[in-house]
Structures are given as structure tokens and as C-alpha cells.
Protein backbone atom coordinates (compact mmCIF):
# COMPACT_ATOMS: atom_id res chain seq x y z
CA MET A 1 25.59 187.18 -81.82
CA ILE A 2 26.78 184.84 -79.07
CA LYS A 3 23.87 183.47 -77.06
CA GLU A 4 24.89 182.53 -73.53
CA VAL A 5 22.23 180.44 -71.81
CA CYS A 6 22.13 180.34 -68.02
CA LEU A 7 21.28 176.89 -66.65
CA GLU A 8 20.97 175.47 -63.14
CA ASN A 9 22.01 171.91 -63.88
CA PHE A 10 23.13 169.51 -66.59
CA THR A 11 19.71 168.19 -67.58
CA LEU A 12 18.93 171.08 -69.94
CA VAL A 13 22.41 171.41 -71.46
CA PRO A 14 21.88 169.04 -74.44
CA SER A 15 18.60 170.69 -75.50
CA ALA A 16 20.06 174.18 -75.04
CA ILE A 17 22.92 173.34 -77.40
CA GLN A 18 20.52 171.79 -79.91
CA LYS A 19 18.46 175.00 -79.86
CA GLY A 20 21.47 177.19 -80.57
CA ALA A 21 23.28 178.00 -77.33
CA ASP A 22 26.79 179.23 -78.10
CA ARG A 23 27.90 179.27 -74.49
CA ILE A 24 26.58 177.82 -71.23
CA GLU A 25 26.74 179.63 -67.90
CA LEU A 26 26.29 177.29 -64.97
CA CYS A 27 24.46 178.75 -61.97
CA ASP A 28 22.86 176.95 -59.07
CA ASN A 29 20.00 178.59 -57.14
CA LEU A 30 18.83 181.02 -59.81
CA SER A 31 16.06 182.11 -57.43
CA VAL A 32 18.70 184.08 -55.48
CA GLY A 33 20.58 185.25 -58.56
CA GLY A 34 22.86 182.23 -58.91
CA THR A 35 25.45 180.50 -56.74
CA THR A 36 28.34 178.14 -57.44
CA VAL A 37 27.37 174.77 -58.88
CA SER A 38 28.64 171.43 -57.59
CA TYR A 39 31.80 169.74 -58.81
CA GLY A 40 29.73 166.97 -60.39
CA VAL A 41 27.49 169.31 -62.38
CA ALA A 42 30.50 171.26 -63.62
CA ALA A 43 32.49 168.14 -64.54
CA LYS A 44 29.59 166.57 -66.47
CA THR A 45 28.75 169.79 -68.30
CA ILE A 46 32.35 170.59 -69.24
CA SER A 47 32.92 167.06 -70.54
CA TYR A 48 29.74 167.11 -72.62
CA CYS A 49 30.30 170.60 -73.99
CA ARG A 50 33.89 169.84 -74.96
CA ASN A 51 32.55 167.26 -77.41
CA THR A 52 30.11 169.77 -78.90
CA HIS A 53 32.63 172.65 -79.02
CA THR A 54 30.45 174.74 -76.70
CA ASN A 55 32.14 177.04 -74.21
CA VAL A 56 31.25 176.84 -70.53
CA MET A 57 31.35 179.55 -67.88
CA ALA A 58 30.42 179.08 -64.22
CA ILE A 59 29.35 181.63 -61.68
CA VAL A 60 31.54 181.65 -58.58
CA ARG A 61 29.39 182.98 -55.77
CA PRO A 62 29.38 181.25 -52.37
CA ARG A 63 25.91 182.45 -51.31
CA GLY A 64 22.94 184.59 -52.20
CA GLY A 65 22.48 188.08 -50.83
CA ASN A 66 24.91 190.94 -51.30
CA PHE A 67 28.28 190.88 -53.05
CA ILE A 68 30.34 191.94 -50.04
CA TYR A 69 32.48 188.98 -49.05
CA ASN A 70 34.71 188.31 -46.05
CA GLU A 71 38.15 186.71 -46.27
CA ASP A 72 36.81 183.18 -45.79
CA GLU A 73 34.30 183.63 -48.60
CA VAL A 74 36.94 185.01 -50.94
CA ASP A 75 39.14 182.01 -50.12
CA ILE A 76 36.23 179.70 -50.96
CA MET A 77 35.74 181.50 -54.27
CA CYS A 78 39.41 181.17 -55.17
CA GLN A 79 39.38 177.46 -54.38
CA ASP A 80 36.28 176.98 -56.55
CA ILE A 81 37.95 178.88 -59.39
CA LEU A 82 40.98 176.59 -59.21
CA LEU A 83 38.70 173.54 -59.13
CA PHE A 84 36.91 174.69 -62.29
CA LYS A 85 40.24 175.52 -63.94
CA ASN A 86 41.46 171.99 -63.31
CA LEU A 87 38.29 170.68 -64.98
CA GLY A 88 39.16 172.66 -68.11
CA ILE A 89 36.34 175.21 -67.96
CA ASN A 90 36.57 178.20 -70.31
CA GLY A 91 35.95 180.81 -67.68
CA VAL A 92 34.24 182.02 -64.53
CA VAL A 93 31.75 184.72 -63.61
CA VAL A 94 32.57 186.72 -60.47
CA GLY A 95 31.89 190.05 -58.80
CA CYS A 96 32.99 191.47 -55.45
CA LEU A 97 31.93 194.83 -54.02
CA ASN A 98 32.69 196.83 -50.88
CA LYS A 99 30.39 198.81 -48.61
CA ASP A 100 30.95 201.95 -50.70
CA ASN A 101 29.26 200.41 -53.77
CA TRP A 102 32.60 200.08 -55.49
CA ILE A 103 34.63 197.08 -56.64
CA ASP A 104 36.35 195.27 -53.78
CA GLU A 105 39.70 195.55 -55.51
CA ILE A 106 41.61 193.24 -53.13
CA ALA A 107 39.00 190.47 -53.33
CA MET A 108 38.72 190.79 -57.10
CA GLU A 109 42.48 190.69 -57.58
CA LYS A 110 42.65 187.46 -55.56
CA CYS A 111 39.93 185.90 -57.73
CA LEU A 112 41.59 187.15 -60.92
CA ASN A 113 44.94 185.71 -59.86
CA ALA A 114 43.28 182.33 -59.32
CA ALA A 115 41.63 182.63 -62.73
CA THR A 116 44.79 183.37 -64.73
CA ASN A 117 44.44 182.33 -68.40
CA MET A 118 40.65 181.98 -68.09
CA GLU A 119 37.85 184.14 -69.46
CA ILE A 120 36.37 186.38 -66.77
CA THR A 121 32.91 187.92 -66.68
CA PHE A 122 32.07 190.50 -64.02
CA HIS A 123 28.44 189.72 -63.22
CA MET A 124 25.45 191.89 -62.33
CA ALA A 125 27.11 193.13 -59.17
CA PHE A 126 28.08 195.81 -61.69
CA ASP A 127 24.54 197.20 -61.48
CA GLN A 128 25.04 197.97 -57.78
CA ILE A 129 28.12 200.11 -58.36
CA ALA A 130 27.43 203.81 -57.80
CA PRO A 131 26.06 205.32 -61.06
CA THR A 132 28.67 208.08 -61.07
CA ARG A 133 31.45 205.47 -61.04
CA LYS A 134 30.20 203.11 -63.74
CA PHE A 135 32.68 204.26 -66.40
CA GLN A 136 35.48 204.18 -63.84
CA ALA A 137 34.48 200.60 -63.04
CA ILE A 138 34.61 199.68 -66.73
CA ASP A 139 38.13 201.15 -66.88
CA TRP A 140 39.20 199.15 -63.81
CA LEU A 141 37.89 195.90 -65.25
CA VAL A 142 39.56 196.58 -68.60
CA ALA A 143 42.87 197.28 -66.85
CA HIS A 144 42.55 193.94 -65.04
CA GLN A 145 41.89 192.03 -68.26
CA VAL A 146 38.29 191.08 -67.52
CA SER A 147 36.64 189.79 -70.70
CA ARG A 148 33.09 191.05 -70.32
CA ILE A 149 30.53 192.72 -68.05
CA LEU A 150 27.05 191.30 -67.51
CA THR A 151 24.52 194.05 -66.82
CA HIS A 152 20.80 194.73 -66.75
CA GLY A 153 21.42 198.46 -67.07
CA GLY A 154 19.53 199.12 -63.84
CA PRO A 155 17.81 197.35 -60.94
CA LEU A 156 16.45 193.91 -61.83
CA SER A 157 13.01 195.19 -60.89
CA THR A 158 13.06 197.32 -64.05
CA ARG A 159 12.25 196.12 -67.58
CA ILE A 160 15.39 195.77 -69.65
CA GLU A 161 13.62 197.56 -72.51
CA ASP A 162 13.45 200.63 -70.26
CA ASN A 163 17.21 200.53 -69.71
CA ILE A 164 18.23 200.82 -73.36
CA PRO A 165 19.70 204.36 -73.04
CA VAL A 166 21.89 203.29 -70.10
CA LEU A 167 22.98 200.08 -71.84
CA LYS A 168 23.84 202.09 -74.96
CA SER A 169 26.05 204.40 -72.91
CA TYR A 170 27.94 201.42 -71.47
CA ILE A 171 28.34 199.80 -74.88
CA GLU A 172 29.59 203.00 -76.48
CA TYR A 173 32.04 203.71 -73.65
CA ALA A 174 33.34 200.13 -73.58
CA SER A 175 33.60 199.75 -77.36
CA GLY A 176 36.84 198.04 -78.35
CA LYS A 177 37.87 197.59 -74.71
CA ILE A 178 35.51 195.10 -73.09
CA ILE A 179 32.27 193.34 -74.07
CA ILE A 180 29.03 194.52 -72.49
CA VAL A 181 26.55 191.63 -72.20
CA PRO A 182 22.94 192.61 -71.50
CA GLY A 183 20.99 190.20 -69.32
CA GLY A 184 18.00 189.87 -67.05
CA GLY A 185 14.56 189.69 -68.64
CA ILE A 186 15.73 188.90 -72.16
CA THR A 187 13.60 186.34 -73.97
CA SER A 188 13.37 184.92 -77.47
CA ALA A 189 10.46 187.34 -77.97
CA ASN A 190 12.20 190.63 -77.09
CA LEU A 191 15.70 189.67 -78.25
CA PRO A 192 15.25 190.88 -81.87
CA PHE A 193 14.11 194.32 -80.63
CA LEU A 194 16.95 194.61 -78.12
CA SER A 195 19.49 193.47 -80.67
CA ALA A 196 18.31 196.07 -83.18
CA GLN A 197 18.42 198.82 -80.55
CA LEU A 198 21.78 197.94 -79.05
CA GLY A 199 23.75 196.19 -81.78
CA ILE A 200 24.95 193.70 -79.17
CA GLU A 201 27.70 191.11 -79.70
CA GLU A 202 26.61 188.81 -76.88
CA VAL A 203 23.46 188.21 -74.87
CA HIS A 204 22.71 186.32 -71.66
CA GLY A 205 19.60 184.76 -70.16
CA THR A 206 17.58 181.72 -69.18
CA ARG A 207 14.92 182.25 -71.84
CA ILE A 208 16.75 183.60 -74.87
CA LEU A 209 16.15 180.34 -76.74
CA GLY A 210 12.53 180.03 -75.64
CA ASP A 211 11.43 176.97 -73.69
CA LEU A 212 14.06 174.24 -73.45
């Protein structure tokens, strides 16, 4: 199982790797769900992780709040993606929606074009897509060569243990096409149970390795 640890800054990166992190996701402002980190944090983390053979992803999100972005915000996201690409990052984590609770296809295609040859994770904006269109969304992301989907399986206000049936349905539908990465409320304590229930390949969280 690949353990992706979400960190706000560089200070915890060395201890996370020592404790078994397979991949780092850089997020600033976790209190609002994560926003884009600074150039300096990204550069330092990527340089350090290259020497330890640890992959690095970075969320690209210009602000907290919803995932409906205007043209200026999408332009900012594309510029940040190119900046991270030039630093040699492994991939980015993005998600753009429209007012109909569907993928903002134009915005996403712009971000994906900027992120050519990088790993792409579609983040928990996925959980706000209309329930009846979840499988359609998986198909769209597969068709656009997205690597994985990060999902809680329901609103973040719910316990992830209560979302196991929904997560199972995503994993079964996506099998062999795209990786479903459960996240949100996963800790070192409940990870063994969730892993046994879901048979997951990858997992994401701030506390999956315990206290850093």
C-alpha cells in the first residue's frame, strides 16, 4: 500500500519519510482543505525528496471555498502547475467544478494541458459531484488520463468508516482504469480496518503514520 502523507510545510517532511511515507502531498492552509504552497516550500521539498526517492505531489488550488473558478483563477492554477513542473515535481492535485455539480471540463482541460507528462490526482472536489454522475465522472477522468481520484466517499462531516459501501462501489467501478484513494479521517488506528474492508492500493491523510 502506498501511504501518501499530506503536509503543510517542509518541517515535517524528513520525519514523515522516516516513518514510512511513500509519497508527500504538499498543501498549505489545511484548515480550509488545502491551497497551493509557496515556491520555496515546493523547491525545498522536491530537492529533499529526490535524494530519498520519495515522490511529491502538490495541490494546486488558489483559494479556499468552493471549486468553481473564474478564468483568472484557472490561469493562476496553470501557471502554478508549470512552476511545479519546472521544479521536477512528480505530479499535481487539482479539481474544478461548475455550478451544476459537474466537472468544469474547460478548466480541467486547461490544467491537464499544463500538466502534460505529470501524474494527476483529482481531489475531493469529486465528493461534490452529483451522486448520479459519479461513475460518469470516473469515466471522464479516465478518458483524460488522470492518475487517481481522492475521495472521502461522502461529505467530510461523515466518518469514513460509514462510507465504506460507497467507496467500495467506486473502487469496483474504477478497477483497472484509475486508482481510487480514500482520504479524510484516516489515521494509523483505523487504517488496518479500512484496508481490510476496501483492499486499497493507496491511502491519503495527515495522520496515517500517527504523530510526526
